[in-house]
């Protein structure tokens, strides 16, 4: 089940970008993952929310209008990752990741989304 949640490093990066939504789990004491209690009482202010991949991708879509596509590359193998800003449909990133499994491609895509938002914050 833990593979459904984004890793600690990326959860921390999302927190720094303003992610603050309810999650089933959180990270505390570094990289220790714990499931959220139903009443939310176990989540402390200093902890980092642990979103599911789908939650993180939805957040980028709603907050930053960034669409992502992970599609199989039938010619070369691996996965194509494309990030588009859907205000004008500007392609911000497009690359093939030949050696990655789908789960690794999801993480690469998430990292690219974080990178794009951080870059645009600095501009």
PDB file of N, CA and C in Angstrom:
ATOM      1  N   UNK A   1       0.817  -1.197   0.000  1.00  0.00           N
ATOM      2  CA  UNK A   1       0.000   0.000   0.000  1.00  0.00           C
ATOM      3  C   UNK A   1       0.862   1.263   0.000  1.00  0.00           C
ATOM      4  N   UNK A   2       2.035   1.208   0.620  1.00  0.00           N
ATOM      5  CA  UNK A   2       2.883   2.402   0.702  1.00  0.00           C
ATOM      6  C   UNK A   2       3.283   2.931  -0.669  1.00  0.00           C
ATOM      7  N   UNK A   3       3.332   2.075  -1.687  1.00  0.00           N
ATOM      8  CA  UNK A   3       3.738   2.534  -3.014  1.00  0.00           C
ATOM      9  C   UNK A   3       2.705   3.459  -3.659  1.00  0.00           C
ATOM     10  N   UNK A   4       1.507   3.534  -3.095  1.00  0.00           N
ATOM     11  CA  UNK A   4       0.474   4.441  -3.606  1.00  0.00           C
ATOM     12  C   UNK A   4       0.733   5.892  -3.182  1.00  0.00           C
ATOM     13  N   UNK A   5       1.558   6.076  -2.151  1.00  0.00           N
ATOM     14  CA  UNK A   5       1.853   7.398  -1.620  1.00  0.00           C
ATOM     15  C   UNK A   5       3.159   7.921  -2.218  1.00  0.00           C
ATOM     16  N   UNK A   6       3.225   9.220  -2.434  1.00  0.00           N
ATOM     17  CA  UNK A   6       4.468   9.771  -2.973  1.00  0.00           C
ATOM     18  C   UNK A   6       5.545   9.693  -1.893  1.00  0.00           C
ATOM     19  N   UNK A   7       6.825   9.592  -2.293  1.00  0.00           N
ATOM     20  CA  UNK A   7       7.908   9.503  -1.311  1.00  0.00           C
ATOM     21  C   UNK A   7       8.037  10.780  -0.469  1.00  0.00           C
ATOM     22  N   UNK A   8       8.737  10.638   0.641  1.00  0.00           N
ATOM     23  CA  UNK A   8       8.901  11.740   1.599  1.00  0.00           C
ATOM     24  C   UNK A   8       9.495  12.985   0.953  1.00  0.00           C
ATOM     25  N   UNK A   9      10.558  12.827   0.192  1.00  0.00           N
ATOM     26  CA  UNK A   9      11.240  13.985  -0.412  1.00  0.00           C
ATOM     27  C   UNK A   9      10.278  14.797  -1.287  1.00  0.00           C
ATOM     28  N   UNK A  10       9.475  14.116  -2.077  1.00  0.00           N
ATOM     29  CA  UNK A  10       8.520  14.799  -2.953  1.00  0.00           C
ATOM     30  C   UNK A  10       7.345  15.372  -2.145  1.00  0.00           C
ATOM     31  N   UNK A  11       6.934  14.684  -1.075  1.00  0.00           N
ATOM     32  CA  UNK A  11       5.873  15.214  -0.207  1.00  0.00           C
ATOM     33  C   UNK A  11       6.333  16.514   0.448  1.00  0.00           C
ATOM     34  N   UNK A  12       7.587  16.553   0.857  1.00  0.00           N
ATOM     35  CA  UNK A  12       8.149  17.769   1.449  1.00  0.00           C
ATOM     36  C   UNK A  12       8.192  18.903   0.421  1.00  0.00           C
ATOM     37  N   UNK A  13       8.557  18.585  -0.817  1.00  0.00           N
ATOM     38  CA  UNK A  13       8.583  19.592  -1.886  1.00  0.00           C
ATOM     39  C   UNK A  13       7.174  20.127  -2.153  1.00  0.00           C
ATOM     40  N   UNK A  14       6.168  19.261  -2.131  1.00  0.00           N
ATOM     41  CA  UNK A  14       4.787  19.711  -2.319  1.00  0.00           C
ATOM     42  C   UNK A  14       4.348  20.607  -1.168  1.00  0.00           C
ATOM     43  N   UNK A  15       4.747  20.249   0.046  1.00  0.00           N
ATOM     44  CA  UNK A  15       4.424  21.077   1.210  1.00  0.00           C
ATOM     45  C   UNK A  15       5.002  22.478   1.022  1.00  0.00           C
ATOM     46  N   UNK A  16       6.231  22.564   0.529  1.00  0.00           N
ATOM     47  CA  UNK A  16       6.881  23.852   0.298  1.00  0.00           C
ATOM     48  C   UNK A  16       6.187  24.646  -0.805  1.00  0.00           C
ATOM     49  N   UNK A  17       5.511  23.948  -1.727  1.00  0.00           N
ATOM     50  CA  UNK A  17       4.750  24.616  -2.790  1.00  0.00           C
ATOM     51  C   UNK A  17       3.339  25.012  -2.335  1.00  0.00           C
ATOM     52  N   UNK A  18       2.976  24.616  -1.116  1.00  0.00           N
ATOM     53  CA  UNK A  18       1.673  25.007  -0.586  1.00  0.00           C
ATOM     54  C   UNK A  18       0.658  23.890  -0.469  1.00  0.00           C
ATOM     55  N   UNK A  19       1.050  22.649  -0.734  1.00  0.00           N
ATOM     56  CA  UNK A  19       0.111  21.537  -0.603  1.00  0.00           C
ATOM     57  C   UNK A  19      -0.292  21.393   0.857  1.00  0.00           C
ATOM     58  N   UNK A  20      -1.592  21.413   1.129  1.00  0.00           N
ATOM     59  CA  UNK A  20      -2.088  21.283   2.495  1.00  0.00           C
ATOM     60  C   UNK A  20      -3.493  20.678   2.469  1.00  0.00           C
ATOM     61  N   UNK A  21      -3.615  19.525   1.840  1.00  0.00           N
ATOM     62  CA  UNK A  21      -4.910  18.862   1.743  1.00  0.00           C
ATOM     63  C   UNK A  21      -4.949  17.655   2.670  1.00  0.00           C
ATOM     64  N   UNK A  22      -6.139  17.217   2.996  1.00  0.00           N
ATOM     65  CA  UNK A  22      -6.296  16.027   3.823  1.00  0.00           C
ATOM     66  C   UNK A  22      -5.738  14.817   3.100  1.00  0.00           C
ATOM     67  N   UNK A  23      -5.019  14.001   3.837  1.00  0.00           N
ATOM     68  CA  UNK A  23      -4.420  12.784   3.280  1.00  0.00           C
ATOM     69  C   UNK A  23      -4.666  11.619   4.232  1.00  0.00           C
ATOM     70  N   UNK A  24      -4.535  10.416   3.716  1.00  0.00           N
ATOM     71  CA  UNK A  24      -4.681   9.227   4.543  1.00  0.00           C
ATOM     72  C   UNK A  24      -3.476   9.008   5.448  1.00  0.00           C
ATOM     73  N   UNK A  25      -2.356   9.628   5.122  1.00  0.00           N
ATOM     74  CA  UNK A  25      -1.160   9.414   5.903  1.00  0.00           C
ATOM     75  C   UNK A  25      -0.289  10.643   5.952  1.00  0.00           C
ATOM     76  N   UNK A  26       0.789  10.537   6.731  1.00  0.00           N
ATOM     77  CA  UNK A  26       1.738  11.634   6.847  1.00  0.00           C
ATOM     78  C   UNK A  26       3.105  11.067   7.190  1.00  0.00           C
ATOM     79  N   UNK A  27       4.108  11.887   6.969  1.00  0.00           N
ATOM     80  CA  UNK A  27       5.469  11.543   7.358  1.00  0.00           C
ATOM     81  C   UNK A  27       5.828  12.340   8.597  1.00  0.00           C
ATOM     82  N   UNK A  28       6.466  11.693   9.551  1.00  0.00           N
ATOM     83  CA  UNK A  28       6.944  12.362  10.751  1.00  0.00           C
ATOM     84  C   UNK A  28       8.283  11.747  11.134  1.00  0.00           C
ATOM     85  N   UNK A  29       9.049  12.469  11.893  1.00  0.00           N
ATOM     86  CA  UNK A  29      10.382  11.985  12.296  1.00  0.00           C
ATOM     87  C   UNK A  29      11.192  11.541  11.088  1.00  0.00           C
ATOM     88  N   UNK A  30      11.325  12.411  10.124  1.00  0.00           N
ATOM     89  CA  UNK A  30      12.079  12.086   8.920  1.00  0.00           C
ATOM     90  C   UNK A  30      11.228  11.368   7.917  1.00  0.00           C
ATOM     91  N   UNK A  31      11.483  10.091   7.708  1.00  0.00           N
ATOM     92  CA  UNK A  31      10.791   9.375   6.650  1.00  0.00           C
ATOM     93  C   UNK A  31       9.816   8.323   7.155  1.00  0.00           C
ATOM     94  N   UNK A  32       9.460   8.359   8.402  1.00  0.00           N
ATOM     95  CA  UNK A  32       8.527   7.371   8.941  1.00  0.00           C
ATOM     96  C   UNK A  32       7.107   7.694   8.484  1.00  0.00           C
ATOM     97  N   UNK A  33       6.449   6.731   7.887  1.00  0.00           N
ATOM     98  CA  UNK A  33       5.092   6.926   7.382  1.00  0.00           C
ATOM     99  C   UNK A  33       4.092   6.339   8.375  1.00  0.00           C
ATOM    100  N   UNK A  34       3.030   7.071   8.668  1.00  0.00           N
ATOM    101  CA  UNK A  34       1.991   6.603   9.571  1.00  0.00           C
ATOM    102  C   UNK A  34       0.632   6.913   8.966  1.00  0.00           C
ATOM    103  N   UNK A  35      -0.320   6.030   9.124  1.00  0.00           N
ATOM    104  CA  UNK A  35      -1.662   6.299   8.612  1.00  0.00           C
ATOM    105  C   UNK A  35      -2.375   7.299   9.503  1.00  0.00           C
ATOM    106  N   UNK A  36      -3.120   8.161   8.855  1.00  0.00           N
ATOM    107  CA  UNK A  36      -3.907   9.192   9.532  1.00  0.00           C
ATOM    108  C   UNK A  36      -5.050   8.544  10.314  1.00  0.00           C
ATOM    109  N   UNK A  37      -5.318   9.035  11.501  1.00  0.00           N
ATOM    110  CA  UNK A  37      -6.475   8.598  12.261  1.00  0.00           C
ATOM    111  C   UNK A  37      -7.727   9.216  11.656  1.00  0.00           C
ATOM    112  N   UNK A  38      -8.869   8.580  11.839  1.00  0.00           N
ATOM    113  CA  UNK A  38     -10.118   9.090  11.255  1.00  0.00           C
ATOM    114  C   UNK A  38     -10.433  10.512  11.686  1.00  0.00           C
ATOM    115  N   UNK A  39     -10.156  10.836  12.941  1.00  0.00           N
ATOM    116  CA  UNK A  39     -10.475  12.180  13.431  1.00  0.00           C
ATOM    117  C   UNK A  39      -9.390  13.193  13.082  1.00  0.00           C
ATOM    118  N   UNK A  40      -8.287  12.730  12.464  1.00  0.00           N
ATOM    119  CA  UNK A  40      -7.211  13.632  12.077  1.00  0.00           C
ATOM    120  C   UNK A  40      -6.320  14.037  13.229  1.00  0.00           C
ATOM    121  N   UNK A  41      -6.569  13.492  14.420  1.00  0.00           N
ATOM    122  CA  UNK A  41      -5.842  13.925  15.613  1.00  0.00           C
ATOM    123  C   UNK A  41      -4.364  13.570  15.581  1.00  0.00           C
ATOM    124  N   UNK A  42      -3.979  12.568  14.809  1.00  0.00           N
ATOM    125  CA  UNK A  42      -2.581  12.152  14.820  1.00  0.00           C
ATOM    126  C   UNK A  42      -1.686  13.035  13.953  1.00  0.00           C
ATOM    127  N   UNK A  43      -2.265  13.861  13.097  1.00  0.00           N
ATOM    128  CA  UNK A  43      -1.472  14.728  12.236  1.00  0.00           C
ATOM    129  C   UNK A  43      -1.099  15.978  13.001  1.00  0.00           C
ATOM    130  N   UNK A  44       0.201  16.264  13.091  1.00  0.00           N
ATOM    131  CA  UNK A  44       0.682  17.436  13.810  1.00  0.00           C
ATOM    132  C   UNK A  44       1.157  18.487  12.827  1.00  0.00           C
ATOM    133  N   UNK A  45       1.193  19.724  13.257  1.00  0.00           N
ATOM    134  CA  UNK A  45       1.535  20.848  12.380  1.00  0.00           C
ATOM    135  C   UNK A  45       2.894  20.667  11.697  1.00  0.00           C
ATOM    136  N   UNK A  46       3.873  20.123  12.365  1.00  0.00           N
ATOM    137  CA  UNK A  46       5.204  19.976  11.794  1.00  0.00           C
ATOM    138  C   UNK A  46       5.367  18.784  10.869  1.00  0.00           C
ATOM    139  N   UNK A  47       4.385  17.891  10.853  1.00  0.00           N
ATOM    140  CA  UNK A  47       4.466  16.710  10.002  1.00  0.00           C
ATOM    141  C   UNK A  47       4.203  17.086   8.550  1.00  0.00           C
ATOM    142  N   UNK A  48       4.528  16.182   7.670  1.00  0.00           N
ATOM    143  CA  UNK A  48       4.331  16.411   6.241  1.00  0.00           C
ATOM    144  C   UNK A  48       3.261  15.454   5.726  1.00  0.00           C
ATOM    145  N   UNK A  49       2.216  16.003   5.121  1.00  0.00           N
ATOM    146  CA  UNK A  49       1.158  15.179   4.554  1.00  0.00           C
ATOM    147  C   UNK A  49       1.748  14.251   3.492  1.00  0.00           C
ATOM    148  N   UNK A  50       1.181  13.065   3.373  1.00  0.00           N
ATOM    149  CA  UNK A  50       1.631  12.059   2.412  1.00  0.00           C
ATOM    150  C   UNK A  50       0.517  11.814   1.400  1.00  0.00           C
ATOM    151  N   UNK A  51       0.468  12.608   0.331  1.00  0.00           N
ATOM    152  CA  UNK A  51      -0.602  12.404  -0.650  1.00  0.00           C
ATOM    153  C   UNK A  51      -0.387  11.159  -1.500  1.00  0.00           C
ATOM    154  N   UNK A  52      -1.478  10.629  -1.997  1.00  0.00           N
ATOM    155  CA  UNK A  52      -1.419   9.589  -3.012  1.00  0.00           C
ATOM    156  C   UNK A  52      -0.930  10.231  -4.312  1.00  0.00           C
ATOM    157  N   UNK A  53      -0.373   9.439  -5.211  1.00  0.00           N
ATOM    158  CA  UNK A  53       0.051   9.975  -6.505  1.00  0.00           C
ATOM    159  C   UNK A  53      -1.111  10.694  -7.197  1.00  0.00           C
ATOM    160  N   UNK A  54      -2.291  10.058  -7.219  1.00  0.00           N
ATOM    161  CA  UNK A  54      -3.424  10.663  -7.917  1.00  0.00           C
ATOM    162  C   UNK A  54      -3.808  11.992  -7.283  1.00  0.00           C
ATOM    163  N   UNK A  55      -3.665  12.102  -5.974  1.00  0.00           N
ATOM    164  CA  UNK A  55      -3.967  13.344  -5.271  1.00  0.00           C
ATOM    165  C   UNK A  55      -2.978  14.437  -5.666  1.00  0.00           C
ATOM    166  N   UNK A  56      -1.702  14.095  -5.743  1.00  0.00           N
ATOM    167  CA  UNK A  56      -0.673  15.064  -6.118  1.00  0.00           C
ATOM    168  C   UNK A  56      -0.880  15.526  -7.563  1.00  0.00           C
ATOM    169  N   UNK A  57      -1.140  14.593  -8.469  1.00  0.00           N
ATOM    170  CA  UNK A  57      -1.363  14.967  -9.869  1.00  0.00           C
ATOM    171  C   UNK A  57      -2.607  15.852 -10.011  1.00  0.00           C
ATOM    172  N   UNK A  58      -3.664  15.537  -9.275  1.00  0.00           N
ATOM    173  CA  UNK A  58      -4.875  16.362  -9.314  1.00  0.00           C
ATOM    174  C   UNK A  58      -4.581  17.763  -8.799  1.00  0.00           C
ATOM    175  N   UNK A  59      -3.779  17.855  -7.720  1.00  0.00           N
ATOM    176  CA  UNK A  59      -3.430  19.148  -7.136  1.00  0.00           C
ATOM    177  C   UNK A  59      -2.687  20.015  -8.154  1.00  0.00           C
ATOM    178  N   UNK A  60      -1.730  19.438  -8.881  1.00  0.00           N
ATOM    179  CA  UNK A  60      -1.011  20.193  -9.915  1.00  0.00           C
ATOM    180  C   UNK A  60      -1.967  20.642 -11.022  1.00  0.00           C
ATOM    181  N   UNK A  61      -2.910  19.785 -11.349  1.00  0.00           N
ATOM    182  CA  UNK A  61      -3.880  20.116 -12.395  1.00  0.00           C
ATOM    183  C   UNK A  61      -4.775  21.278 -11.953  1.00  0.00           C
ATOM    184  N   UNK A  62      -5.272  21.235 -10.730  1.00  0.00           N
ATOM    185  CA  UNK A  62      -6.203  22.249 -10.249  1.00  0.00           C
ATOM    186  C   UNK A  62      -5.515  23.553  -9.856  1.00  0.00           C
ATOM    187  N   UNK A  63      -4.377  23.469  -9.193  1.00  0.00           N
ATOM    188  CA  UNK A  63      -3.702  24.677  -8.694  1.00  0.00           C
ATOM    189  C   UNK A  63      -2.873  25.370  -9.765  1.00  0.00           C
ATOM    190  N   UNK A  64      -2.169  24.590 -10.589  1.00  0.00           N
ATOM    191  CA  UNK A  64      -1.235  25.173 -11.561  1.00  0.00           C
ATOM    192  C   UNK A  64      -1.652  24.956 -13.012  1.00  0.00           C
ATOM    193  N   UNK A  65      -2.779  24.275 -13.226  1.00  0.00           N
ATOM    194  CA  UNK A  65      -3.295  24.010 -14.572  1.00  0.00           C
ATOM    195  C   UNK A  65      -2.280  23.212 -15.406  1.00  0.00           C
ATOM    196  N   UNK A  66      -1.620  22.283 -14.759  1.00  0.00           N
ATOM    197  CA  UNK A  66      -0.634  21.434 -15.426  1.00  0.00           C
ATOM    198  C   UNK A  66      -1.213  20.043 -15.637  1.00  0.00           C
ATOM    199  N   UNK A  67      -1.285  19.646 -16.882  1.00  0.00           N
ATOM    200  CA  UNK A  67      -1.712  18.292 -17.246  1.00  0.00           C
ATOM    201  C   UNK A  67      -0.473  17.433 -17.440  1.00  0.00           C
ATOM    202  N   UNK A  68      -0.579  16.180 -17.099  1.00  0.00           N
ATOM    203  CA  UNK A  68       0.528  15.251 -17.338  1.00  0.00           C
ATOM    204  C   UNK A  68      -0.005  14.041 -18.095  1.00  0.00           C
ATOM    205  N   UNK A  69       0.865  13.494 -18.921  1.00  0.00           N
ATOM    206  CA  UNK A  69       0.526  12.284 -19.665  1.00  0.00           C
ATOM    207  C   UNK A  69       1.701  11.329 -19.573  1.00  0.00           C
ATOM    208  N   UNK A  70       1.423  10.100 -19.200  1.00  0.00           N
ATOM    209  CA  UNK A  70       2.421   9.032 -19.182  1.00  0.00           C
ATOM    210  C   UNK A  70       1.882   7.960 -20.113  1.00  0.00           C
ATOM    211  N   UNK A  71       2.526   7.807 -21.261  1.00  0.00           N
ATOM    212  CA  UNK A  71       2.036   6.879 -22.276  1.00  0.00           C
ATOM    213  C   UNK A  71       3.157   5.939 -22.702  1.00  0.00           C
ATOM    214  N   UNK A  72       2.812   4.720 -23.090  1.00  0.00           N
ATOM    215  CA  UNK A  72       3.861   3.799 -23.542  1.00  0.00           C
ATOM    216  C   UNK A  72       4.461   4.253 -24.873  1.00  0.00           C
ATOM    217  N   UNK A  73       5.760   4.090 -24.994  1.00  0.00           N
ATOM    218  CA  UNK A  73       6.432   4.374 -26.259  1.00  0.00           C
ATOM    219  C   UNK A  73       6.555   3.046 -26.996  1.00  0.00           C
ATOM    220  N   UNK A  74       5.726   2.839 -27.991  1.00  0.00           N
ATOM    221  CA  UNK A  74       5.665   1.558 -28.681  1.00  0.00           C
ATOM    222  C   UNK A  74       6.866   1.320 -29.585  1.00  0.00           C
ATOM    223  N   UNK A  75       7.535   2.390 -30.014  1.00  0.00           N
ATOM    224  CA  UNK A  75       8.700   2.242 -30.892  1.00  0.00           C
ATOM    225  C   UNK A  75       9.975   1.950 -30.115  1.00  0.00           C
ATOM    226  N   UNK A  76      10.224   2.706 -29.054  1.00  0.00           N
ATOM    227  CA  UNK A  76      11.486   2.611 -28.323  1.00  0.00           C
ATOM    228  C   UNK A  76      11.375   1.832 -27.023  1.00  0.00           C
ATOM    229  N   UNK A  77      10.157   1.571 -26.575  1.00  0.00           N
ATOM    230  CA  UNK A  77       9.961   0.971 -25.262  1.00  0.00           C
ATOM    231  C   UNK A  77       9.965   2.062 -24.206  1.00  0.00           C
ATOM    232  N   UNK A  78       9.693   1.699 -22.992  1.00  0.00           N
ATOM    233  CA  UNK A  78       9.656   2.679 -21.918  1.00  0.00           C
ATOM    234  C   UNK A  78       8.395   3.520 -21.966  1.00  0.00           C
ATOM    235  N   UNK A  79       8.508   4.717 -21.439  1.00  0.00           N
ATOM    236  CA  UNK A  79       7.342   5.583 -21.266  1.00  0.00           C
ATOM    237  C   UNK A  79       7.642   6.989 -21.742  1.00  0.00           C
ATOM    238  N   UNK A  80       6.672   7.601 -22.381  1.00  0.00           N
ATOM    239  CA  UNK A  80       6.746   9.013 -22.732  1.00  0.00           C
ATOM    240  C   UNK A  80       6.073   9.807 -21.619  1.00  0.00           C
ATOM    241  N   UNK A  81       6.730  10.868 -21.212  1.00  0.00           N
ATOM    242  CA  UNK A  81       6.144  11.774 -20.227  1.00  0.00           C
ATOM    243  C   UNK A  81       5.997  13.130 -20.889  1.00  0.00           C
ATOM    244  N   UNK A  82       4.803  13.684 -20.756  1.00  0.00           N
ATOM    245  CA  UNK A  82       4.529  15.000 -21.322  1.00  0.00           C
ATOM    246  C   UNK A  82       3.795  15.822 -20.269  1.00  0.00           C
ATOM    247  N   UNK A  83       4.252  17.074 -20.100  1.00  0.00           N
ATOM    248  CA  UNK A  83       3.588  18.013 -19.201  1.00  0.00           C
ATOM    249  C   UNK A  83       3.141  19.196 -20.039  1.00  0.00           C
ATOM    250  N   UNK A  84       1.864  19.539 -19.908  1.00  0.00           N
ATOM    251  CA  UNK A  84       1.272  20.615 -20.701  1.00  0.00           C
ATOM    252  C   UNK A  84       0.589  21.596 -19.759  1.00  0.00           C
ATOM    253  N   UNK A  85       0.789  22.887 -19.998  1.00  0.00           N
ATOM    254  CA  UNK A  85       0.009  23.900 -19.292  1.00  0.00           C
ATOM    255  C   UNK A  85      -1.244  24.119 -20.119  1.00  0.00           C
ATOM    256  N   UNK A  86      -2.407  23.820 -19.569  1.00  0.00           N
ATOM    257  CA  UNK A  86      -3.602  23.802 -20.403  1.00  0.00           C
ATOM    258  C   UNK A  86      -4.252  25.161 -20.568  1.00  0.00           C
ATOM    259  N   UNK A  87      -3.563  26.212 -20.213  1.00  0.00           N
ATOM    260  CA  UNK A  87      -3.986  27.549 -20.603  1.00  0.00           C
ATOM    261  C   UNK A  87      -3.195  27.869 -21.872  1.00  0.00           C
ATOM    262  N   UNK A  88      -3.735  27.567 -23.016  1.00  0.00           N
ATOM    263  CA  UNK A  88      -3.018  27.735 -24.273  1.00  0.00           C
ATOM    264  C   UNK A  88      -2.339  26.463 -24.741  1.00  0.00           C
ATOM    265  N   UNK A  89      -2.419  25.406 -23.966  1.00  0.00           N
ATOM    266  CA  UNK A  89      -1.854  24.093 -24.318  1.00  0.00           C
ATOM    267  C   UNK A  89      -0.386  24.182 -24.719  1.00  0.00           C
ATOM    268  N   UNK A  90       0.399  24.827 -23.887  1.00  0.00           N
ATOM    269  CA  UNK A  90       1.836  24.944 -24.112  1.00  0.00           C
ATOM    270  C   UNK A  90       2.539  23.708 -23.535  1.00  0.00           C
ATOM    271  N   UNK A  91       3.316  23.015 -24.362  1.00  0.00           N
ATOM    272  CA  UNK A  91       4.080  21.853 -23.903  1.00  0.00           C
ATOM    273  C   UNK A  91       5.285  22.353 -23.112  1.00  0.00           C
ATOM    274  N   UNK A  92       5.370  21.947 -21.847  1.00  0.00           N
ATOM    275  CA  UNK A  92       6.466  22.377 -20.984  1.00  0.00           C
ATOM    276  C   UNK A  92       7.567  21.334 -20.862  1.00  0.00           C
ATOM    277  N   UNK A  93       7.215  20.092 -21.098  1.00  0.00           N
ATOM    278  CA  UNK A  93       8.204  19.013 -21.002  1.00  0.00           C
ATOM    279  C   UNK A  93       7.709  17.828 -21.821  1.00  0.00           C
ATOM    280  N   UNK A  94       8.643  17.224 -22.539  1.00  0.00           N
ATOM    281  CA  UNK A  94       8.325  16.009 -23.285  1.00  0.00           C
ATOM    282  C   UNK A  94       9.608  15.202 -23.391  1.00  0.00           C
ATOM    283  N   UNK A  95       9.548  13.955 -22.932  1.00  0.00           N
ATOM    284  CA  UNK A  95      10.743  13.127 -22.950  1.00  0.00           C
ATOM    285  C   UNK A  95      10.344  11.661 -22.888  1.00  0.00           C
ATOM    286  N   UNK A  96      11.229  10.804 -23.403  1.00  0.00           N
ATOM    287  CA  UNK A  96      11.044   9.363 -23.322  1.00  0.00           C
ATOM    288  C   UNK A  96      11.987   8.811 -22.274  1.00  0.00           C
ATOM    289  N   UNK A  97      11.464   7.961 -21.426  1.00  0.00           N
ATOM    290  CA  UNK A  97      12.247   7.310 -20.384  1.00  0.00           C
ATOM    291  C   UNK A  97      12.266   5.823 -20.702  1.00  0.00           C
ATOM    292  N   UNK A  98      13.314   5.375 -21.382  1.00  0.00           N
ATOM    293  CA  UNK A  98      13.379   4.020 -21.925  1.00  0.00           C
ATOM    294  C   UNK A  98      13.435   2.922 -20.871  1.00  0.00           C
ATOM    295  N   UNK A  99      14.154   3.146 -19.819  1.00  0.00           N
ATOM    296  CA  UNK A  99      14.458   2.053 -18.895  1.00  0.00           C
ATOM    297  C   UNK A  99      13.529   1.989 -17.687  1.00  0.00           C
ATOM    298  N   UNK A 100      12.552   2.848 -17.612  1.00  0.00           N
ATOM    299  CA  UNK A 100      11.745   2.937 -16.394  1.00  0.00           C
ATOM    300  C   UNK A 100      10.519   2.041 -16.422  1.00  0.00           C
ATOM    301  N   UNK A 101      10.171   1.523 -15.260  1.00  0.00           N
ATOM    302  CA  UNK A 101       8.886   0.874 -15.068  1.00  0.00           C
ATOM    303  C   UNK A 101       7.837   1.977 -14.947  1.00  0.00           C
ATOM    304  N   UNK A 102       6.571   1.637 -15.074  1.00  0.00           N
ATOM    305  CA  UNK A 102       5.523   2.662 -15.016  1.00  0.00           C
ATOM    306  C   UNK A 102       5.564   3.437 -13.703  1.00  0.00           C
ATOM    307  N   UNK A 103       5.755   2.748 -12.580  1.00  0.00           N
ATOM    308  CA  UNK A 103       5.808   3.422 -11.279  1.00  0.00           C
ATOM    309  C   UNK A 103       6.960   4.411 -11.228  1.00  0.00           C
ATOM    310  N   UNK A 104       8.093   4.056 -11.822  1.00  0.00           N
ATOM    311  CA  UNK A 104       9.240   4.968 -11.859  1.00  0.00           C
ATOM    312  C   UNK A 104       8.959   6.160 -12.771  1.00  0.00           C
ATOM    313  N   UNK A 105       8.211   5.939 -13.837  1.00  0.00           N
ATOM    314  CA  UNK A 105       7.826   7.026 -14.732  1.00  0.00           C
ATOM    315  C   UNK A 105       6.882   7.994 -14.023  1.00  0.00           C
ATOM    316  N   UNK A 106       5.994   7.479 -13.184  1.00  0.00           N
ATOM    317  CA  UNK A 106       5.117   8.358 -12.399  1.00  0.00           C
ATOM    318  C   UNK A 106       5.935   9.267 -11.486  1.00  0.00           C
ATOM    319  N   UNK A 107       6.937   8.694 -10.831  1.00  0.00           N
ATOM    320  CA  UNK A 107       7.784   9.487  -9.945  1.00  0.00           C
ATOM    321  C   UNK A 107       8.581  10.515 -10.741  1.00  0.00           C
ATOM    322  N   UNK A 108       9.109  10.123 -11.901  1.00  0.00           N
ATOM    323  CA  UNK A 108       9.836  11.064 -12.759  1.00  0.00           C
ATOM    324  C   UNK A 108       8.932  12.204 -13.197  1.00  0.00           C
ATOM    325  N   UNK A 109       7.689  11.902 -13.506  1.00  0.00           N
ATOM    326  CA  UNK A 109       6.721  12.918 -13.912  1.00  0.00           C
ATOM    327  C   UNK A 109       6.422  13.860 -12.754  1.00  0.00           C
ATOM    328  N   UNK A 110       6.213  13.315 -11.564  1.00  0.00           N
ATOM    329  CA  UNK A 110       5.955  14.135 -10.385  1.00  0.00           C
ATOM    330  C   UNK A 110       7.125  15.077 -10.124  1.00  0.00           C
ATOM    331  N   UNK A 111       8.340  14.550 -10.218  1.00  0.00           N
ATOM    332  CA  UNK A 111       9.536  15.388 -10.019  1.00  0.00           C
ATOM    333  C   UNK A 111       9.612  16.498 -11.062  1.00  0.00           C
ATOM    334  N   UNK A 112       9.230  16.196 -12.295  1.00  0.00           N
ATOM    335  CA  UNK A 112       9.242  17.202 -13.357  1.00  0.00           C
ATOM    336  C   UNK A 112       8.210  18.287 -13.065  1.00  0.00           C
ATOM    337  N   UNK A 113       7.031  17.915 -12.582  1.00  0.00           N
ATOM    338  CA  UNK A 113       6.015  18.902 -12.219  1.00  0.00           C
ATOM    339  C   UNK A 113       6.527  19.834 -11.116  1.00  0.00           C
ATOM    340  N   UNK A 114       7.161  19.269 -10.103  1.00  0.00           N
ATOM    341  CA  UNK A 114       7.737  20.065  -9.014  1.00  0.00           C
ATOM    342  C   UNK A 114       8.792  21.023  -9.568  1.00  0.00           C
ATOM    343  N   UNK A 115       9.656  20.505 -10.428  1.00  0.00           N
ATOM    344  CA  UNK A 115      10.709  21.317 -11.029  1.00  0.00           C
ATOM    345  C   UNK A 115      10.114  22.482 -11.834  1.00  0.00           C
ATOM    346  N   UNK A 116       9.102  22.213 -12.613  1.00  0.00           N
ATOM    347  CA  UNK A 116       8.468  23.251 -13.444  1.00  0.00           C
ATOM    348  C   UNK A 116       7.867  24.350 -12.573  1.00  0.00           C
ATOM    349  N   UNK A 117       7.153  23.968 -11.525  1.00  0.00           N
ATOM    350  CA  UNK A 117       6.547  24.968 -10.652  1.00  0.00           C
ATOM    351  C   UNK A 117       7.621  25.775  -9.923  1.00  0.00           C
ATOM    352  N   UNK A 118       8.649  25.114  -9.427  1.00  0.00           N
ATOM    353  CA  UNK A 118       9.741  25.833  -8.757  1.00  0.00           C
ATOM    354  C   UNK A 118      10.427  26.809  -9.702  1.00  0.00           C
ATOM    355  N   UNK A 119      10.645  26.391 -10.939  1.00  0.00           N
ATOM    356  CA  UNK A 119      11.289  27.262 -11.926  1.00  0.00           C
ATOM    357  C   UNK A 119      10.431  28.479 -12.213  1.00  0.00           C
ATOM    358  N   UNK A 120       9.133  28.281 -12.352  1.00  0.00           N
ATOM    359  CA  UNK A 120       8.224  29.387 -12.631  1.00  0.00           C
ATOM    360  C   UNK A 120       8.067  30.327 -11.444  1.00  0.00           C
ATOM    361  N   UNK A 121       8.258  29.812 -10.211  1.00  0.00           N
ATOM    362  CA  UNK A 121       8.215  30.680  -9.042  1.00  0.00           C
ATOM    363  C   UNK A 121       9.382  31.656  -9.042  1.00  0.00           C
ATOM    364  N   UNK A 122      10.541  31.178  -9.530  1.00  0.00           N
ATOM    365  CA  UNK A 122      11.751  31.996  -9.526  1.00  0.00           C
ATOM    366  C   UNK A 122      11.768  33.014 -10.648  1.00  0.00           C
ATOM    367  N   UNK A 123      10.977  32.794 -11.690  1.00  0.00           N
ATOM    368  CA  UNK A 123      10.962  33.714 -12.847  1.00  0.00           C
ATOM    369  C   UNK A 123      10.182  34.970 -12.577  1.00  0.00           C
TER     370      UNK A 123
END
